[in-house]
Structure formats: C-alpha cells, structure tokens
Amino acid sequence: MHTNSGLLLVVSGPSGVGKGTICGRLLQELSDVQFSVSATTRAPRKGEHDGTDYFFVSLTEFKRMQATGELLEWAEVFGNYYGTPRQAVQRALDEGKDILLEIDIQGALQVKAAFPECVLVFVWPPTYQELERRIRQRGTETPESLACRLKKSRLEMAQVVNYDYVVVNQPGQVEAAVSEVRAILVAEKARVARQMPWLQATLKEV
C-alpha cells in the first residue's frame, strides 16, 4: 500500500475472551505490525517481562504520566491502572508503521475519540458460558473477584455497538479469528480515504 501514515488497530474484549492470544499470533505473522506496550501499576504475572508485555510502573509514576498528558488513554481495572504512552504511538504512526493496541474497552473508546481514524475490533466469546468457563479455568480468581470480573464482562460486551468490527473467538479456532483480524487490517488499509494522498498525486500525472 502507498499510505504515508500508519494504521492504528485497537483490539479489545472482555477478560478471558482470548484477545491476548490473537494479538500474539498476529504479531508473529505480521512482521510489519508493531505492538504498543502499555504501562500498568499491577504486578507482573508469571512469565511477563517489563518493557515487553507492559511497562510496570508505580502508582506515583502513573499519576505523573496522567498529569503531564503522556498517556493517550488510561483506565482503572480492578484496582490497577493501565495506560498507553502517547508519544511512542504517534511517532510510529508518523513513520508509517501499523500499530496494534490491545487494551480495555474503556481505553479503546478514549483512543477512538483521540484518533477517529483508528480501527476498533471487539473479540467476542462464542457464548457467555464459554467466557465464564475460560475465566474460571485460569484459577487465579477468588470467588469475590470472579463475580466482579463476570459482572464487568457483561457490561463490557454491551459496548460492542461502539466498535467497527466483531470477531468471534471459537474454541480451538484461534487461527480463524487471527485470519479475520488480518483480513480487517488488509481491507482497512485499502480504503480510498486512507489512500487518497497517493491517489490524488497519481491523478495529477494522468
């Protein structure tokens, strides 16, 4: 494609829906797509690395980033804060790089307000019962936190009407979901509105 600026693809969905797995596969398959690393105040989980999975920061540092406008979006999720560093995203887009952003629904809508041209993809569970099963299977929730997470998931799923696309992540069919998101990316990059600068320049030569 001949677009000069990159495309910002935002992927989100309720906890346990498998959006992290989908994004991970996308990054493996698409070497020209760059992952935007979020900042968070929560502690690292097993296997997570600072600067790769998240920027793990103190609450004080996070509040400073908020106050100075360094965050494109931010959200509080179950007592922890998450946010997207603004400068890194803008710089990459200006350089013509496509950015993949995996964030909370609340944050995704903030990004849409700041970057109307971004593309929002909602990862949807095959059934709510399947989503609940996946969350329980993790074994990391107390009964109280599980109830809170499930309630939040129901509220989040109602926000799908504010998204551009929905992709259903069926059990055992991650590759199918990845293919759908990849197709969305290809189609969006081919939109006339995104190609207009190059198209207009070509028309002048006709």
N, C-alpha and C. Protein backbone atom coordinates (compact mmCIF):
# COMPACT_ATOMS: atom_id res chain seq x y z
N MET A 1 0.84 -1.20 0.00
CA MET A 1 0.00 0.00 0.00
C MET A 1 0.88 1.26 0.00
N HIS A 2 0.30 2.35 -0.41
CA HIS A 2 1.08 3.56 -0.58
C HIS A 2 0.74 4.65 0.44
N THR A 3 0.04 4.31 1.50
CA THR A 3 -0.28 5.31 2.51
C THR A 3 0.99 5.76 3.21
N ASN A 4 1.01 7.04 3.60
CA ASN A 4 2.19 7.58 4.27
C ASN A 4 2.15 7.36 5.77
N SER A 5 0.95 7.40 6.36
CA SER A 5 0.84 7.21 7.81
C SER A 5 0.39 5.79 8.12
N GLY A 6 0.73 5.35 9.32
CA GLY A 6 0.37 4.00 9.73
C GLY A 6 -1.09 3.90 10.17
N LEU A 7 -1.53 2.68 10.37
CA LEU A 7 -2.90 2.41 10.82
C LEU A 7 -2.86 1.94 12.26
N LEU A 8 -3.74 2.47 13.07
CA LEU A 8 -3.83 2.09 14.49
C LEU A 8 -4.98 1.10 14.64
N LEU A 9 -4.64 -0.16 14.92
CA LEU A 9 -5.63 -1.22 15.10
C LEU A 9 -5.76 -1.51 16.59
N VAL A 10 -6.96 -1.30 17.13
CA VAL A 10 -7.22 -1.49 18.55
C VAL A 10 -8.05 -2.74 18.75
N VAL A 11 -7.52 -3.69 19.51
CA VAL A 11 -8.21 -4.95 19.77
C VAL A 11 -8.55 -5.03 21.26
N SER A 12 -9.81 -5.27 21.56
CA SER A 12 -10.20 -5.41 22.96
C SER A 12 -11.38 -6.36 23.08
N GLY A 13 -11.78 -6.61 24.30
CA GLY A 13 -12.86 -7.55 24.59
C GLY A 13 -12.82 -7.88 26.06
N PRO A 14 -13.80 -8.60 26.55
CA PRO A 14 -13.83 -8.93 27.98
C PRO A 14 -12.70 -9.84 28.40
N SER A 15 -12.39 -9.82 29.66
CA SER A 15 -11.34 -10.68 30.21
C SER A 15 -11.66 -12.14 29.93
N GLY A 16 -10.63 -12.88 29.47
CA GLY A 16 -10.80 -14.30 29.23
C GLY A 16 -11.26 -14.66 27.84
N VAL A 17 -11.48 -13.66 26.97
CA VAL A 17 -12.00 -13.94 25.64
C VAL A 17 -10.92 -14.43 24.68
N GLY A 18 -9.65 -14.24 25.04
CA GLY A 18 -8.56 -14.72 24.20
C GLY A 18 -7.93 -13.69 23.30
N LYS A 19 -8.16 -12.41 23.61
CA LYS A 19 -7.61 -11.35 22.74
C LYS A 19 -6.09 -11.32 22.78
N GLY A 20 -5.49 -11.66 23.93
CA GLY A 20 -4.04 -11.68 24.02
C GLY A 20 -3.42 -12.73 23.11
N THR A 21 -4.05 -13.88 23.05
CA THR A 21 -3.56 -14.96 22.17
C THR A 21 -3.66 -14.54 20.71
N ILE A 22 -4.78 -13.93 20.34
CA ILE A 22 -4.98 -13.48 18.97
C ILE A 22 -3.94 -12.43 18.58
N CYS A 23 -3.73 -11.48 19.46
CA CYS A 23 -2.74 -10.43 19.18
C CYS A 23 -1.33 -11.00 19.08
N GLY A 24 -1.02 -11.96 19.93
CA GLY A 24 0.28 -12.59 19.88
C GLY A 24 0.54 -13.29 18.56
N ARG A 25 -0.47 -13.99 18.06
CA ARG A 25 -0.35 -14.68 16.77
C ARG A 25 -0.21 -13.66 15.63
N LEU A 26 -0.97 -12.57 15.71
CA LEU A 26 -0.87 -11.55 14.67
C LEU A 26 0.54 -10.99 14.57
N LEU A 27 1.14 -10.73 15.71
CA LEU A 27 2.48 -10.16 15.73
C LEU A 27 3.51 -11.15 15.18
N GLN A 28 3.27 -12.44 15.39
CA GLN A 28 4.16 -13.45 14.85
C GLN A 28 4.07 -13.52 13.33
N GLU A 29 2.87 -13.33 12.81
CA GLU A 29 2.63 -13.48 11.38
C GLU A 29 2.87 -12.21 10.58
N LEU A 30 2.71 -11.05 11.22
CA LEU A 30 2.84 -9.77 10.52
C LEU A 30 4.03 -8.99 11.07
N SER A 31 5.17 -9.14 10.42
CA SER A 31 6.40 -8.52 10.93
C SER A 31 6.39 -7.01 10.81
N ASP A 32 5.49 -6.46 9.96
CA ASP A 32 5.46 -5.02 9.78
C ASP A 32 4.47 -4.33 10.72
N VAL A 33 3.87 -5.09 11.63
CA VAL A 33 2.96 -4.51 12.62
C VAL A 33 3.68 -4.42 13.96
N GLN A 34 3.60 -3.27 14.58
CA GLN A 34 4.31 -3.01 15.83
C GLN A 34 3.34 -3.02 17.00
N PHE A 35 3.72 -3.69 18.08
CA PHE A 35 2.87 -3.77 19.27
C PHE A 35 3.12 -2.58 20.18
N SER A 36 2.04 -1.95 20.63
CA SER A 36 2.15 -0.83 21.55
C SER A 36 2.13 -1.36 22.98
N VAL A 37 3.21 -1.15 23.71
CA VAL A 37 3.32 -1.64 25.07
C VAL A 37 2.66 -0.65 26.03
N SER A 38 1.73 -1.14 26.83
CA SER A 38 1.02 -0.30 27.78
C SER A 38 1.78 -0.21 29.10
N ALA A 39 1.47 0.84 29.85
CA ALA A 39 2.01 0.99 31.20
C ALA A 39 0.95 0.51 32.19
N THR A 40 1.35 -0.11 33.27
CA THR A 40 0.40 -0.58 34.27
C THR A 40 0.99 -0.51 35.68
N THR A 41 0.10 -0.36 36.64
CA THR A 41 0.55 -0.34 38.04
C THR A 41 0.44 -1.73 38.68
N ARG A 42 -0.13 -2.69 37.97
CA ARG A 42 -0.26 -4.02 38.57
C ARG A 42 1.08 -4.75 38.55
N ALA A 43 1.19 -5.75 39.40
CA ALA A 43 2.42 -6.53 39.49
C ALA A 43 2.52 -7.47 38.28
N PRO A 44 3.73 -7.78 37.84
CA PRO A 44 3.89 -8.70 36.71
C PRO A 44 3.35 -10.09 37.05
N ARG A 45 2.72 -10.73 36.08
CA ARG A 45 2.31 -12.11 36.24
C ARG A 45 3.45 -13.01 35.81
N LYS A 46 3.34 -14.27 36.12
CA LYS A 46 4.39 -15.23 35.78
C LYS A 46 4.65 -15.22 34.28
N GLY A 47 5.90 -15.04 33.91
CA GLY A 47 6.29 -15.05 32.50
C GLY A 47 6.26 -13.70 31.83
N GLU A 48 5.74 -12.67 32.50
CA GLU A 48 5.69 -11.33 31.91
C GLU A 48 7.00 -10.59 32.16
N HIS A 49 7.38 -9.73 31.20
CA HIS A 49 8.64 -9.00 31.29
C HIS A 49 8.41 -7.51 31.09
N ASP A 50 9.08 -6.71 31.89
CA ASP A 50 8.96 -5.26 31.81
C ASP A 50 9.49 -4.76 30.47
N GLY A 51 8.72 -3.91 29.81
CA GLY A 51 9.13 -3.35 28.53
C GLY A 51 8.72 -4.19 27.34
N THR A 52 8.33 -5.43 27.59
CA THR A 52 7.88 -6.32 26.52
C THR A 52 6.37 -6.54 26.59
N ASP A 53 5.91 -6.99 27.75
CA ASP A 53 4.48 -7.21 27.95
C ASP A 53 3.80 -5.91 28.42
N TYR A 54 4.43 -5.26 29.39
CA TYR A 54 3.96 -3.98 29.93
C TYR A 54 5.16 -3.20 30.43
N PHE A 55 4.94 -1.89 30.62
CA PHE A 55 5.86 -1.09 31.41
C PHE A 55 5.28 -1.10 32.82
N PHE A 56 5.92 -1.78 33.74
CA PHE A 56 5.40 -1.88 35.11
C PHE A 56 5.91 -0.67 35.90
N VAL A 57 4.98 0.19 36.31
CA VAL A 57 5.34 1.44 36.98
C VAL A 57 4.60 1.55 38.31
N SER A 58 5.11 2.43 39.15
CA SER A 58 4.45 2.69 40.43
C SER A 58 3.22 3.56 40.21
N LEU A 59 2.35 3.59 41.20
CA LEU A 59 1.16 4.43 41.10
C LEU A 59 1.56 5.90 41.00
N THR A 60 2.60 6.28 41.71
CA THR A 60 3.08 7.67 41.67
C THR A 60 3.53 8.05 40.26
N GLU A 61 4.29 7.16 39.63
CA GLU A 61 4.77 7.42 38.26
C GLU A 61 3.61 7.46 37.29
N PHE A 62 2.63 6.57 37.47
CA PHE A 62 1.48 6.56 36.58
C PHE A 62 0.70 7.86 36.68
N LYS A 63 0.50 8.33 37.90
CA LYS A 63 -0.22 9.59 38.11
C LYS A 63 0.53 10.76 37.47
N ARG A 64 1.86 10.71 37.52
CA ARG A 64 2.66 11.76 36.89
C ARG A 64 2.45 11.75 35.39
N MET A 65 2.41 10.56 34.80
CA MET A 65 2.20 10.43 33.36
C MET A 65 0.81 10.95 32.96
N GLN A 66 -0.16 10.69 33.81
CA GLN A 66 -1.51 11.22 33.57
C GLN A 66 -1.50 12.74 33.57
N ALA A 67 -0.89 13.30 34.60
CA ALA A 67 -0.92 14.75 34.80
C ALA A 67 -0.19 15.50 33.68
N THR A 68 0.84 14.89 33.11
CA THR A 68 1.63 15.57 32.08
C THR A 68 1.15 15.27 30.66
N GLY A 69 0.04 14.54 30.54
CA GLY A 69 -0.51 14.25 29.22
C GLY A 69 0.27 13.23 28.42
N GLU A 70 1.05 12.40 29.10
CA GLU A 70 1.87 11.42 28.40
C GLU A 70 1.09 10.17 27.99
N LEU A 71 -0.16 10.06 28.44
CA LEU A 71 -0.95 8.87 28.14
C LEU A 71 -2.04 9.18 27.13
N LEU A 72 -2.12 8.38 26.10
CA LEU A 72 -3.15 8.52 25.09
C LEU A 72 -4.51 8.15 25.66
N GLU A 73 -4.50 7.14 26.51
CA GLU A 73 -5.71 6.71 27.20
C GLU A 73 -5.28 6.03 28.49
N TRP A 74 -6.22 5.92 29.42
CA TRP A 74 -5.93 5.19 30.65
C TRP A 74 -7.23 4.69 31.25
N ALA A 75 -7.13 3.69 32.08
CA ALA A 75 -8.30 3.12 32.72
C ALA A 75 -7.89 2.45 34.03
N GLU A 76 -8.83 2.43 34.96
CA GLU A 76 -8.63 1.68 36.19
C GLU A 76 -9.40 0.38 36.06
N VAL A 77 -8.71 -0.74 36.23
CA VAL A 77 -9.32 -2.06 36.07
C VAL A 77 -9.03 -2.90 37.30
N PHE A 78 -10.07 -3.18 38.06
CA PHE A 78 -9.94 -3.99 39.26
C PHE A 78 -8.85 -3.47 40.21
N GLY A 79 -8.82 -2.16 40.37
CA GLY A 79 -7.90 -1.55 41.33
C GLY A 79 -6.53 -1.23 40.79
N ASN A 80 -6.25 -1.63 39.55
CA ASN A 80 -4.97 -1.33 38.91
C ASN A 80 -5.18 -0.37 37.74
N TYR A 81 -4.14 0.40 37.43
CA TYR A 81 -4.23 1.37 36.34
C TYR A 81 -3.45 0.88 35.12
N TYR A 82 -4.04 1.16 33.95
CA TYR A 82 -3.42 0.81 32.68
C TYR A 82 -3.47 2.04 31.77
N GLY A 83 -2.45 2.23 30.95
CA GLY A 83 -2.45 3.38 30.06
C GLY A 83 -1.52 3.17 28.88
N THR A 84 -1.77 3.91 27.80
CA THR A 84 -0.96 3.82 26.59
C THR A 84 -0.09 5.05 26.42
N PRO A 85 1.23 4.91 26.44
CA PRO A 85 2.11 6.07 26.22
C PRO A 85 1.83 6.70 24.85
N ARG A 86 1.52 7.98 24.85
CA ARG A 86 1.10 8.68 23.64
C ARG A 86 2.23 8.85 22.62
N GLN A 87 3.39 9.28 23.09
CA GLN A 87 4.47 9.67 22.17
C GLN A 87 4.92 8.52 21.27
N ALA A 88 5.05 7.33 21.84
CA ALA A 88 5.53 6.19 21.07
C ALA A 88 4.55 5.82 19.95
N VAL A 89 3.24 5.89 20.25
CA VAL A 89 2.22 5.57 19.25
C VAL A 89 2.23 6.59 18.13
N GLN A 90 2.25 7.87 18.48
CA GLN A 90 2.23 8.92 17.46
C GLN A 90 3.46 8.87 16.58
N ARG A 91 4.61 8.63 17.17
CA ARG A 91 5.86 8.59 16.41
C ARG A 91 5.82 7.44 15.39
N ALA A 92 5.36 6.29 15.83
CA ALA A 92 5.31 5.13 14.94
C ALA A 92 4.33 5.36 13.79
N LEU A 93 3.17 5.95 14.08
CA LEU A 93 2.19 6.22 13.03
C LEU A 93 2.74 7.22 12.02
N ASP A 94 3.43 8.24 12.52
CA ASP A 94 4.02 9.24 11.63
C ASP A 94 5.08 8.63 10.72
N GLU A 95 5.72 7.56 11.19
CA GLU A 95 6.75 6.88 10.42
C GLU A 95 6.15 5.86 9.44
N GLY A 96 4.81 5.79 9.43
CA GLY A 96 4.14 4.88 8.52
C GLY A 96 4.00 3.46 9.02
N LYS A 97 4.24 3.24 10.31
CA LYS A 97 4.16 1.90 10.87
C LYS A 97 2.74 1.63 11.38
N ASP A 98 2.27 0.40 11.17
CA ASP A 98 0.98 0.00 11.71
C ASP A 98 1.16 -0.41 13.17
N ILE A 99 0.23 0.02 14.01
CA ILE A 99 0.33 -0.23 15.44
C ILE A 99 -0.82 -1.11 15.91
N LEU A 100 -0.51 -2.12 16.69
CA LEU A 100 -1.52 -2.99 17.30
C LEU A 100 -1.61 -2.64 18.78
N LEU A 101 -2.81 -2.29 19.20
CA LEU A 101 -3.03 -1.88 20.58
C LEU A 101 -4.06 -2.81 21.21
N GLU A 102 -3.66 -3.55 22.23
CA GLU A 102 -4.58 -4.45 22.94
C GLU A 102 -4.90 -3.82 24.29
N ILE A 103 -6.11 -3.29 24.43
CA ILE A 103 -6.45 -2.56 25.64
C ILE A 103 -7.89 -2.82 26.08
N ASP A 104 -8.20 -2.32 27.27
CA ASP A 104 -9.52 -2.39 27.87
C ASP A 104 -10.53 -1.60 27.02
N ILE A 105 -11.80 -1.99 27.11
CA ILE A 105 -12.85 -1.33 26.34
C ILE A 105 -12.91 0.16 26.63
N GLN A 106 -12.83 0.52 27.89
CA GLN A 106 -12.86 1.94 28.28
C GLN A 106 -11.75 2.72 27.59
N GLY A 107 -10.56 2.14 27.58
CA GLY A 107 -9.43 2.79 26.93
C GLY A 107 -9.58 2.86 25.43
N ALA A 108 -10.16 1.81 24.84
CA ALA A 108 -10.35 1.77 23.39
C ALA A 108 -11.23 2.93 22.93
N LEU A 109 -12.27 3.22 23.68
CA LEU A 109 -13.17 4.31 23.31
C LEU A 109 -12.49 5.67 23.46
N GLN A 110 -11.57 5.78 24.42
CA GLN A 110 -10.79 7.01 24.55
C GLN A 110 -9.88 7.20 23.34
N VAL A 111 -9.28 6.10 22.88
CA VAL A 111 -8.41 6.17 21.71
C VAL A 111 -9.22 6.58 20.48
N LYS A 112 -10.42 6.04 20.34
CA LYS A 112 -11.27 6.38 19.21
C LYS A 112 -11.60 7.87 19.20
N ALA A 113 -11.78 8.45 20.39
CA ALA A 113 -12.06 9.88 20.48
C ALA A 113 -10.85 10.71 20.07
N ALA A 114 -9.66 10.23 20.42
CA ALA A 114 -8.43 10.96 20.11
C ALA A 114 -7.96 10.70 18.68
N PHE A 115 -8.19 9.47 18.18
CA PHE A 115 -7.80 9.07 16.82
C PHE A 115 -9.02 8.49 16.11
N PRO A 116 -9.90 9.32 15.58
CA PRO A 116 -11.12 8.81 14.93
C PRO A 116 -10.84 7.84 13.78
N GLU A 117 -9.65 7.95 13.20
CA GLU A 117 -9.32 7.09 12.06
C GLU A 117 -8.84 5.70 12.49
N CYS A 118 -8.72 5.45 13.79
CA CYS A 118 -8.29 4.14 14.25
C CYS A 118 -9.39 3.11 13.99
N VAL A 119 -9.04 1.84 14.04
CA VAL A 119 -9.99 0.76 13.77
C VAL A 119 -10.16 -0.07 15.05
N LEU A 120 -11.40 -0.17 15.52
CA LEU A 120 -11.70 -0.91 16.74
C LEU A 120 -12.25 -2.30 16.42
N VAL A 121 -11.60 -3.33 16.97
CA VAL A 121 -12.04 -4.71 16.79
C VAL A 121 -12.40 -5.30 18.15
N PHE A 122 -13.62 -5.82 18.27
CA PHE A 122 -14.07 -6.42 19.52
C PHE A 122 -14.01 -7.93 19.40
N VAL A 123 -13.25 -8.58 20.28
CA VAL A 123 -13.18 -10.03 20.29
C VAL A 123 -14.31 -10.55 21.18
N TRP A 124 -15.15 -11.39 20.60
CA TRP A 124 -16.40 -11.82 21.22
C TRP A 124 -16.35 -13.32 21.54
N PRO A 125 -16.84 -13.73 22.70
CA PRO A 125 -16.86 -15.16 23.02
C PRO A 125 -17.97 -15.88 22.27
N PRO A 126 -17.85 -17.18 22.00
CA PRO A 126 -18.91 -17.92 21.32
C PRO A 126 -20.21 -17.90 22.12
N THR A 127 -20.09 -18.02 23.46
CA THR A 127 -21.23 -17.89 24.37
C THR A 127 -20.72 -17.28 25.66
N TYR A 128 -21.61 -16.72 26.44
CA TYR A 128 -21.19 -16.16 27.73
C TYR A 128 -20.74 -17.28 28.67
N GLN A 129 -21.37 -18.46 28.55
CA GLN A 129 -21.00 -19.59 29.39
C GLN A 129 -19.55 -20.02 29.10
N GLU A 130 -19.16 -19.96 27.84
CA GLU A 130 -17.79 -20.31 27.46
C GLU A 130 -16.81 -19.29 28.04
N LEU A 131 -17.20 -18.03 28.02
CA LEU A 131 -16.34 -16.99 28.60
C LEU A 131 -16.15 -17.24 30.09
N GLU A 132 -17.23 -17.54 30.78
CA GLU A 132 -17.14 -17.81 32.22
C GLU A 132 -16.25 -19.02 32.49
N ARG A 133 -16.37 -20.05 31.65
CA ARG A 133 -15.54 -21.25 31.82
C ARG A 133 -14.06 -20.91 31.68
N ARG A 134 -13.73 -20.08 30.69
CA ARG A 134 -12.33 -19.72 30.47
C ARG A 134 -11.76 -18.95 31.66
N ILE A 135 -12.57 -18.05 32.21
CA ILE A 135 -12.10 -17.26 33.35
C ILE A 135 -11.89 -18.16 34.57
N ARG A 136 -12.84 -19.06 34.81
CA ARG A 136 -12.73 -19.99 35.95
C ARG A 136 -11.51 -20.91 35.78
N GLN A 137 -11.24 -21.30 34.54
CA GLN A 137 -10.15 -22.24 34.25
C GLN A 137 -8.79 -21.66 34.60
N ARG A 138 -8.70 -20.34 34.60
CA ARG A 138 -7.42 -19.71 34.96
C ARG A 138 -6.98 -20.07 36.38
N GLY A 139 -7.96 -20.16 37.28
CA GLY A 139 -7.67 -20.49 38.66
C GLY A 139 -6.97 -19.40 39.43
N THR A 140 -7.09 -18.15 38.95
CA THR A 140 -6.39 -17.04 39.60
C THR A 140 -7.33 -16.11 40.34
N GLU A 141 -8.64 -16.43 40.34
CA GLU A 141 -9.63 -15.53 40.92
C GLU A 141 -10.19 -16.07 42.23
N THR A 142 -10.41 -15.16 43.16
CA THR A 142 -11.17 -15.51 44.36
C THR A 142 -12.65 -15.48 43.97
N PRO A 143 -13.54 -16.08 44.78
CA PRO A 143 -14.97 -16.02 44.44
C PRO A 143 -15.47 -14.58 44.27
N GLU A 144 -14.94 -13.67 45.09
CA GLU A 144 -15.38 -12.27 45.02
C GLU A 144 -14.88 -11.61 43.74
N SER A 145 -13.60 -11.81 43.43
CA SER A 145 -13.05 -11.18 42.23
C SER A 145 -13.63 -11.80 40.96
N LEU A 146 -13.98 -13.10 41.02
CA LEU A 146 -14.61 -13.76 39.88
C LEU A 146 -15.97 -13.14 39.59
N ALA A 147 -16.76 -12.95 40.64
CA ALA A 147 -18.09 -12.36 40.47
C ALA A 147 -17.98 -10.95 39.90
N CYS A 148 -16.98 -10.20 40.38
CA CYS A 148 -16.77 -8.83 39.90
C CYS A 148 -16.36 -8.84 38.43
N ARG A 149 -15.48 -9.76 38.07
CA ARG A 149 -14.99 -9.83 36.69
C ARG A 149 -16.10 -10.23 35.72
N LEU A 150 -16.95 -11.16 36.14
CA LEU A 150 -18.05 -11.60 35.28
C LEU A 150 -19.07 -10.50 35.09
N LYS A 151 -19.34 -9.76 36.15
CA LYS A 151 -20.27 -8.64 36.04
C LYS A 151 -19.73 -7.58 35.09
N LYS A 152 -18.43 -7.31 35.22
CA LYS A 152 -17.80 -6.32 34.34
C LYS A 152 -17.83 -6.78 32.89
N SER A 153 -17.66 -8.08 32.67
CA SER A 153 -17.67 -8.61 31.32
C SER A 153 -19.01 -8.37 30.64
N ARG A 154 -20.09 -8.55 31.38
CA ARG A 154 -21.42 -8.33 30.80
C ARG A 154 -21.59 -6.87 30.39
N LEU A 155 -21.11 -5.96 31.22
CA LEU A 155 -21.21 -4.54 30.90
C LEU A 155 -20.33 -4.18 29.70
N GLU A 156 -19.15 -4.79 29.64
CA GLU A 156 -18.23 -4.52 28.52
C GLU A 156 -18.80 -5.01 27.20
N MET A 157 -19.44 -6.16 27.21
CA MET A 157 -19.97 -6.72 25.97
C MET A 157 -21.05 -5.84 25.36
N ALA A 158 -21.71 -5.05 26.20
CA ALA A 158 -22.74 -4.14 25.69
C ALA A 158 -22.14 -3.00 24.88
N GLN A 159 -20.82 -2.78 25.03
CA GLN A 159 -20.14 -1.70 24.31
C GLN A 159 -19.76 -2.06 22.88
N VAL A 160 -20.07 -3.29 22.47
CA VAL A 160 -19.71 -3.73 21.13
C VAL A 160 -20.32 -2.83 20.05
N VAL A 161 -21.42 -2.17 20.36
CA VAL A 161 -22.07 -1.30 19.38
C VAL A 161 -21.20 -0.10 19.00
N ASN A 162 -20.19 0.20 19.81
CA ASN A 162 -19.30 1.33 19.53
C ASN A 162 -18.06 0.92 18.73
N TYR A 163 -17.99 -0.35 18.33
CA TYR A 163 -16.82 -0.87 17.62
C TYR A 163 -17.07 -0.94 16.12
N ASP A 164 -15.99 -1.06 15.37
CA ASP A 164 -16.10 -1.16 13.92
C ASP A 164 -16.33 -2.59 13.46
N TYR A 165 -15.70 -3.55 14.15
CA TYR A 165 -15.79 -4.95 13.76
C TYR A 165 -15.90 -5.83 15.01
N VAL A 166 -16.49 -7.01 14.82
CA VAL A 166 -16.53 -8.01 15.88
C VAL A 166 -16.00 -9.33 15.31
N VAL A 167 -15.15 -10.00 16.09
CA VAL A 167 -14.57 -11.29 15.69
C VAL A 167 -14.87 -12.29 16.80
N VAL A 168 -15.54 -13.38 16.47
CA VAL A 168 -15.88 -14.40 17.46
C VAL A 168 -14.72 -15.39 17.58
N ASN A 169 -14.24 -15.56 18.81
CA ASN A 169 -13.12 -16.47 19.06
C ASN A 169 -13.66 -17.82 19.52
N GLN A 170 -13.89 -18.71 18.55
CA GLN A 170 -14.45 -20.02 18.84
C GLN A 170 -13.40 -20.93 19.50
N PRO A 171 -13.83 -21.87 20.35
CA PRO A 171 -12.89 -22.80 21.00
C PRO A 171 -12.08 -23.59 19.97
N GLY A 172 -10.77 -23.59 20.13
CA GLY A 172 -9.91 -24.35 19.25
C GLY A 172 -9.77 -23.80 17.85
N GLN A 173 -10.24 -22.57 17.63
CA GLN A 173 -10.16 -21.98 16.29
C GLN A 173 -9.50 -20.59 16.32
N VAL A 174 -8.43 -20.51 17.05
CA VAL A 174 -7.73 -19.23 17.18
C VAL A 174 -7.25 -18.74 15.82
N GLU A 175 -6.75 -19.64 15.00
CA GLU A 175 -6.23 -19.23 13.69
C GLU A 175 -7.31 -18.59 12.83
N ALA A 176 -8.55 -19.07 12.96
CA ALA A 176 -9.65 -18.49 12.19
C ALA A 176 -9.89 -17.05 12.64
N ALA A 177 -9.83 -16.83 13.95
CA ALA A 177 -10.02 -15.48 14.48
C ALA A 177 -8.87 -14.57 14.04
N VAL A 178 -7.66 -15.10 14.06
CA VAL A 178 -6.49 -14.33 13.63
C VAL A 178 -6.63 -13.95 12.16
N SER A 179 -7.10 -14.88 11.34
CA SER A 179 -7.28 -14.61 9.91
C SER A 179 -8.30 -13.51 9.69
N GLU A 180 -9.35 -13.50 10.50
CA GLU A 180 -10.37 -12.46 10.36
C GLU A 180 -9.79 -11.09 10.68
N VAL A 181 -9.03 -11.00 11.76
CA VAL A 181 -8.43 -9.71 12.13
C VAL A 181 -7.44 -9.27 11.07
N ARG A 182 -6.68 -10.21 10.55
CA ARG A 182 -5.71 -9.90 9.49
C ARG A 182 -6.43 -9.36 8.25
N ALA A 183 -7.57 -9.96 7.92
CA ALA A 183 -8.36 -9.51 6.77
C ALA A 183 -8.90 -8.10 7.00
N ILE A 184 -9.29 -7.81 8.23
CA ILE A 184 -9.77 -6.47 8.56
C ILE A 184 -8.66 -5.44 8.33
N LEU A 185 -7.46 -5.78 8.77
CA LEU A 185 -6.32 -4.88 8.60
C LEU A 185 -6.05 -4.61 7.12
N VAL A 186 -6.07 -5.66 6.31
CA VAL A 186 -5.82 -5.51 4.86
C VAL A 186 -6.90 -4.64 4.23
N ALA A 187 -8.17 -4.91 4.56
CA ALA A 187 -9.27 -4.15 3.98
C ALA A 187 -9.22 -2.67 4.38
N GLU A 188 -8.92 -2.41 5.65
CA GLU A 188 -8.88 -1.03 6.12
C GLU A 188 -7.76 -0.25 5.45
N LYS A 189 -6.64 -0.88 5.21
CA LYS A 189 -5.52 -0.19 4.56
C LYS A 189 -5.82 0.11 3.10
N ALA A 190 -6.80 -0.61 2.53
CA ALA A 190 -7.16 -0.39 1.13
C ALA A 190 -8.27 0.64 0.97
N ARG A 191 -8.79 1.19 2.06
CA ARG A 191 -9.85 2.19 1.95
C ARG A 191 -9.37 3.39 1.13
N VAL A 192 -10.25 3.89 0.29
CA VAL A 192 -9.92 5.04 -0.55
C VAL A 192 -9.48 6.23 0.30
N ALA A 193 -10.16 6.46 1.41
CA ALA A 193 -9.83 7.61 2.26
C ALA A 193 -8.39 7.53 2.76
N ARG A 194 -7.90 6.32 3.04
CA ARG A 194 -6.53 6.17 3.53
C ARG A 194 -5.52 6.29 2.39
N GLN A 195 -5.95 5.98 1.18
CA GLN A 195 -5.06 6.01 0.03
C GLN A 195 -5.12 7.33 -0.73
N MET A 196 -6.00 8.24 -0.29
CA MET A 196 -6.27 9.44 -1.07
C MET A 196 -5.04 10.28 -1.41
N PRO A 197 -4.11 10.54 -0.50
CA PRO A 197 -2.94 11.35 -0.89
C PRO A 197 -2.18 10.78 -2.08
N TRP A 198 -1.96 9.47 -2.07
CA TRP A 198 -1.25 8.81 -3.17
C TRP A 198 -2.09 8.80 -4.44
N LEU A 199 -3.40 8.56 -4.27
CA LEU A 199 -4.29 8.54 -5.43
C LEU A 199 -4.35 9.91 -6.11
N GLN A 200 -4.45 10.95 -5.33
CA GLN A 200 -4.51 12.30 -5.89
C GLN A 200 -3.22 12.65 -6.61
N ALA A 201 -2.09 12.23 -6.02
CA ALA A 201 -0.80 12.51 -6.67
C ALA A 201 -0.70 11.78 -8.01
N THR A 202 -1.23 10.56 -8.06
CA THR A 202 -1.20 9.79 -9.29
C THR A 202 -2.10 10.42 -10.35
N LEU A 203 -3.27 10.90 -9.92
CA LEU A 203 -4.22 11.51 -10.85
C LEU A 203 -3.62 12.75 -11.52
N LYS A 204 -2.78 13.46 -10.82
CA LYS A 204 -2.15 14.67 -11.38
C LYS A 204 -1.22 14.31 -12.53
N GLU A 205 -0.74 13.08 -12.53
CA GLU A 205 0.19 12.63 -13.56
C GLU A 205 -0.54 12.10 -14.80
N VAL A 206 -1.87 11.91 -14.66
CA VAL A 206 -2.65 11.34 -15.77
C VAL A 206 -2.93 12.40 -16.83
